[in-house]
Amino acid sequence: MVLLNIASLFRTIIIILVIYYGLKFLVRYVFPILLKNYMDNKMSEFKKQQNAVFEKEAEQIKKEKGKVTISKDPSKDGEYVDYEEVK
Protein backbone atom coordinates (compact mmCIF):
# COMPACT_ATOMS: atom_id res chain seq x y z
CA MET A 1 0.00 0.00 0.00
CA VAL A 2 2.77 2.44 0.90
CA LEU A 3 4.73 1.46 -2.23
CA LEU A 4 1.71 2.28 -4.38
CA ASN A 5 1.42 5.73 -2.84
CA ILE A 6 5.12 6.46 -3.39
CA ALA A 7 4.83 5.35 -7.03
CA SER A 8 1.79 7.59 -7.47
CA LEU A 9 3.67 10.48 -5.88
CA PHE A 10 6.64 10.06 -8.24
CA ARG A 11 4.31 9.73 -11.23
CA THR A 12 2.52 12.95 -10.21
CA ILE A 13 5.84 14.78 -9.77
CA ILE A 14 7.02 13.60 -13.20
CA ILE A 15 3.75 14.69 -14.82
CA ILE A 16 4.02 18.13 -13.18
CA LEU A 17 7.64 18.49 -14.36
CA VAL A 18 6.75 17.45 -17.92
CA ILE A 19 3.89 19.94 -18.01
CA TYR A 20 6.10 22.70 -16.53
CA TYR A 21 8.96 22.20 -18.98
CA GLY A 22 6.54 21.70 -21.87
CA LEU A 23 4.87 25.04 -21.15
CA LYS A 24 8.26 26.66 -20.64
CA PHE A 25 9.36 25.38 -24.07
CA LEU A 26 6.14 26.61 -25.70
CA VAL A 27 6.38 30.06 -24.16
CA ARG A 28 10.05 30.47 -24.97
CA TYR A 29 10.19 29.08 -28.54
CA VAL A 30 6.78 28.40 -30.09
CA PHE A 31 4.61 31.34 -28.98
CA PRO A 32 7.06 34.02 -30.22
CA ILE A 33 7.11 32.38 -33.66
CA LEU A 34 3.32 32.24 -33.75
CA LEU A 35 3.06 35.84 -32.57
CA LYS A 36 5.57 37.03 -35.18
CA ASN A 37 3.64 35.27 -37.97
CA TYR A 38 0.36 36.75 -36.71
CA MET A 39 1.82 40.27 -36.58
CA ASP A 40 3.35 39.92 -40.06
CA ASN A 41 -0.03 38.86 -41.47
CA LYS A 42 -1.81 41.77 -39.79
CA MET A 43 0.82 44.24 -41.02
CA SER A 44 0.50 42.99 -44.60
CA GLU A 45 -3.31 43.27 -44.41
CA PHE A 46 -2.97 46.81 -43.04
CA LYS A 47 -0.56 47.78 -45.83
CA LYS A 48 -2.92 46.37 -48.47
CA GLN A 49 -5.80 48.31 -46.95
CA GLN A 50 -3.78 51.52 -46.83
CA ASN A 51 -2.64 51.08 -50.43
CA ALA A 52 -6.25 50.62 -51.50
CA VAL A 53 -7.24 53.83 -49.72
CA PHE A 54 -4.33 55.78 -51.24
CA GLU A 55 -5.12 54.46 -54.73
CA LYS A 56 -8.77 55.43 -54.32
CA GLU A 57 -7.83 58.95 -53.19
CA ALA A 58 -5.33 59.33 -56.03
CA GLU A 59 -7.96 58.20 -58.55
CA GLN A 60 -10.45 60.70 -57.15
CA ILE A 61 -7.89 63.50 -57.31
CA LYS A 62 -7.11 62.65 -60.96
CA LYS A 63 -10.81 62.56 -61.76
CA GLU A 64 -11.44 65.96 -60.19
CA LYS A 65 -8.29 67.64 -61.51
CA GLY A 66 -9.19 70.95 -63.16
CA LYS A 67 -12.70 70.98 -61.73
CA VAL A 68 -13.55 74.07 -59.67
CA THR A 69 -16.12 73.89 -56.91
CA ILE A 70 -17.14 76.46 -54.34
CA SER A 71 -18.77 75.24 -51.19
CA LYS A 72 -19.92 77.25 -48.24
CA ASP A 73 -18.45 76.19 -44.91
CA PRO A 74 -21.35 76.13 -42.42
CA SER A 75 -19.01 76.66 -39.48
CA LYS A 76 -18.09 80.15 -40.75
CA ASP A 77 -21.56 81.69 -40.72
CA GLY A 78 -21.58 85.41 -40.05
CA GLU A 79 -19.38 88.29 -41.05
CA TYR A 80 -15.82 89.15 -40.22
CA VAL A 81 -15.61 92.44 -38.35
CA ASP A 82 -12.31 94.24 -38.13
CA TYR A 83 -11.92 96.23 -34.97
CA GLU A 84 -9.39 98.43 -33.21
CA GLU A 85 -8.42 98.02 -29.61
CA VAL A 86 -9.10 101.14 -27.54
CA LYS A 87 -6.82 101.85 -24.57
C-alpha atoms as a PDB file:
ATOM      1  CA  MET A   1       0.000   0.000   0.000  1.00  0.00           C
ATOM      2  CA  VAL A   2       2.775   2.440   0.900  1.00  0.00           C
ATOM      3  CA  LEU A   3       4.725   1.458  -2.226  1.00  0.00           C
ATOM      4  CA  LEU A   4       1.715   2.275  -4.382  1.00  0.00           C
ATOM      5  CA  ASN A   5       1.417   5.726  -2.842  1.00  0.00           C
ATOM      6  CA  ILE A   6       5.118   6.458  -3.385  1.00  0.00           C
ATOM      7  CA  ALA A   7       4.835   5.353  -7.028  1.00  0.00           C
ATOM      8  CA  SER A   8       1.790   7.593  -7.472  1.00  0.00           C
ATOM      9  CA  LEU A   9       3.666  10.478  -5.885  1.00  0.00           C
ATOM     10  CA  PHE A  10       6.644  10.055  -8.244  1.00  0.00           C
ATOM     11  CA  ARG A  11       4.309   9.728 -11.225  1.00  0.00           C
ATOM     12  CA  THR A  12       2.525  12.950 -10.206  1.00  0.00           C
ATOM     13  CA  ILE A  13       5.839  14.779  -9.775  1.00  0.00           C
ATOM     14  CA  ILE A  14       7.024  13.601 -13.200  1.00  0.00           C
ATOM     15  CA  ILE A  15       3.748  14.689 -14.818  1.00  0.00           C
ATOM     16  CA  ILE A  16       4.024  18.127 -13.179  1.00  0.00           C
ATOM     17  CA  LEU A  17       7.639  18.491 -14.357  1.00  0.00           C
ATOM     18  CA  VAL A  18       6.749  17.447 -17.919  1.00  0.00           C
ATOM     19  CA  ILE A  19       3.892  19.939 -18.014  1.00  0.00           C
ATOM     20  CA  TYR A  20       6.099  22.703 -16.532  1.00  0.00           C
ATOM     21  CA  TYR A  21       8.957  22.196 -18.976  1.00  0.00           C
ATOM     22  CA  GLY A  22       6.537  21.702 -21.871  1.00  0.00           C
ATOM     23  CA  LEU A  23       4.866  25.038 -21.151  1.00  0.00           C
ATOM     24  CA  LYS A  24       8.255  26.664 -20.639  1.00  0.00           C
ATOM     25  CA  PHE A  25       9.357  25.385 -24.073  1.00  0.00           C
ATOM     26  CA  LEU A  26       6.139  26.610 -25.700  1.00  0.00           C
ATOM     27  CA  VAL A  27       6.375  30.059 -24.155  1.00  0.00           C
ATOM     28  CA  ARG A  28      10.050  30.472 -24.974  1.00  0.00           C
ATOM     29  CA  TYR A  29      10.187  29.083 -28.537  1.00  0.00           C
ATOM     30  CA  VAL A  30       6.779  28.396 -30.093  1.00  0.00           C
ATOM     31  CA  PHE A  31       4.614  31.340 -28.982  1.00  0.00           C
ATOM     32  CA  PRO A  32       7.064  34.018 -30.219  1.00  0.00           C
ATOM     33  CA  ILE A  33       7.114  32.383 -33.657  1.00  0.00           C
ATOM     34  CA  LEU A  34       3.315  32.239 -33.751  1.00  0.00           C
ATOM     35  CA  LEU A  35       3.059  35.844 -32.572  1.00  0.00           C
ATOM     36  CA  LYS A  36       5.569  37.029 -35.178  1.00  0.00           C
ATOM     37  CA  ASN A  37       3.639  35.275 -37.973  1.00  0.00           C
ATOM     38  CA  TYR A  38       0.364  36.754 -36.711  1.00  0.00           C
ATOM     39  CA  MET A  39       1.823  40.268 -36.580  1.00  0.00           C
ATOM     40  CA  ASP A  40       3.351  39.915 -40.062  1.00  0.00           C
ATOM     41  CA  ASN A  41      -0.029  38.863 -41.471  1.00  0.00           C
ATOM     42  CA  LYS A  42      -1.809  41.774 -39.785  1.00  0.00           C
ATOM     43  CA  MET A  43       0.819  44.240 -41.024  1.00  0.00           C
ATOM     44  CA  SER A  44       0.498  42.995 -44.603  1.00  0.00           C
ATOM     45  CA  GLU A  45      -3.309  43.274 -44.405  1.00  0.00           C
ATOM     46  CA  PHE A  46      -2.966  46.809 -43.042  1.00  0.00           C
ATOM     47  CA  LYS A  47      -0.560  47.779 -45.830  1.00  0.00           C
ATOM     48  CA  LYS A  48      -2.920  46.371 -48.468  1.00  0.00           C
ATOM     49  CA  GLN A  49      -5.800  48.305 -46.948  1.00  0.00           C
ATOM     50  CA  GLN A  50      -3.781  51.524 -46.830  1.00  0.00           C
ATOM     51  CA  ASN A  51      -2.639  51.080 -50.435  1.00  0.00           C
ATOM     52  CA  ALA A  52      -6.248  50.617 -51.501  1.00  0.00           C
ATOM     53  CA  VAL A  53      -7.236  53.831 -49.724  1.00  0.00           C
ATOM     54  CA  PHE A  54      -4.328  55.777 -51.241  1.00  0.00           C
ATOM     55  CA  GLU A  55      -5.117  54.464 -54.727  1.00  0.00           C
ATOM     56  CA  LYS A  56      -8.769  55.429 -54.317  1.00  0.00           C
ATOM     57  CA  GLU A  57      -7.834  58.945 -53.190  1.00  0.00           C
ATOM     58  CA  ALA A  58      -5.330  59.331 -56.033  1.00  0.00           C
ATOM     59  CA  GLU A  59      -7.961  58.197 -58.547  1.00  0.00           C
ATOM     60  CA  GLN A  60     -10.453  60.696 -57.148  1.00  0.00           C
ATOM     61  CA  ILE A  61      -7.886  63.503 -57.312  1.00  0.00           C
ATOM     62  CA  LYS A  62      -7.111  62.652 -60.962  1.00  0.00           C
ATOM     63  CA  LYS A  63     -10.808  62.558 -61.763  1.00  0.00           C
ATOM     64  CA  GLU A  64     -11.438  65.957 -60.185  1.00  0.00           C
ATOM     65  CA  LYS A  65      -8.295  67.643 -61.515  1.00  0.00           C
ATOM     66  CA  GLY A  66      -9.188  70.948 -63.161  1.00  0.00           C
ATOM     67  CA  LYS A  67     -12.698  70.977 -61.731  1.00  0.00           C
ATOM     68  CA  VAL A  68     -13.553  74.066 -59.675  1.00  0.00           C
ATOM     69  CA  THR A  69     -16.120  73.890 -56.915  1.00  0.00           C
ATOM     70  CA  ILE A  70     -17.138  76.459 -54.344  1.00  0.00           C
ATOM     71  CA  SER A  71     -18.771  75.242 -51.195  1.00  0.00           C
ATOM     72  CA  LYS A  72     -19.918  77.250 -48.238  1.00  0.00           C
ATOM     73  CA  ASP A  73     -18.453  76.194 -44.914  1.00  0.00           C
ATOM     74  CA  PRO A  74     -21.353  76.128 -42.423  1.00  0.00           C
ATOM     75  CA  SER A  75     -19.006  76.662 -39.478  1.00  0.00           C
ATOM     76  CA  LYS A  76     -18.086  80.151 -40.749  1.00  0.00           C
ATOM     77  CA  ASP A  77     -21.556  81.691 -40.716  1.00  0.00           C
ATOM     78  CA  GLY A  78     -21.580  85.411 -40.048  1.00  0.00           C
ATOM     79  CA  GLU A  79     -19.376  88.286 -41.053  1.00  0.00           C
ATOM     80  CA  TYR A  80     -15.819  89.150 -40.216  1.00  0.00           C
ATOM     81  CA  VAL A  81     -15.610  92.438 -38.354  1.00  0.00           C
ATOM     82  CA  ASP A  82     -12.307  94.244 -38.133  1.00  0.00           C
ATOM     83  CA  TYR A  83     -11.919  96.235 -34.971  1.00  0.00           C
ATOM     84  CA  GLU A  84      -9.393  98.434 -33.209  1.00  0.00           C
ATOM     85  CA  GLU A  85      -8.420  98.021 -29.609  1.00  0.00           C
ATOM     86  CA  VAL A  86      -9.096 101.140 -27.540  1.00  0.00           C
ATOM     87  CA  LYS A  87      -6.820 101.851 -24.573  1.00  0.00           C
END
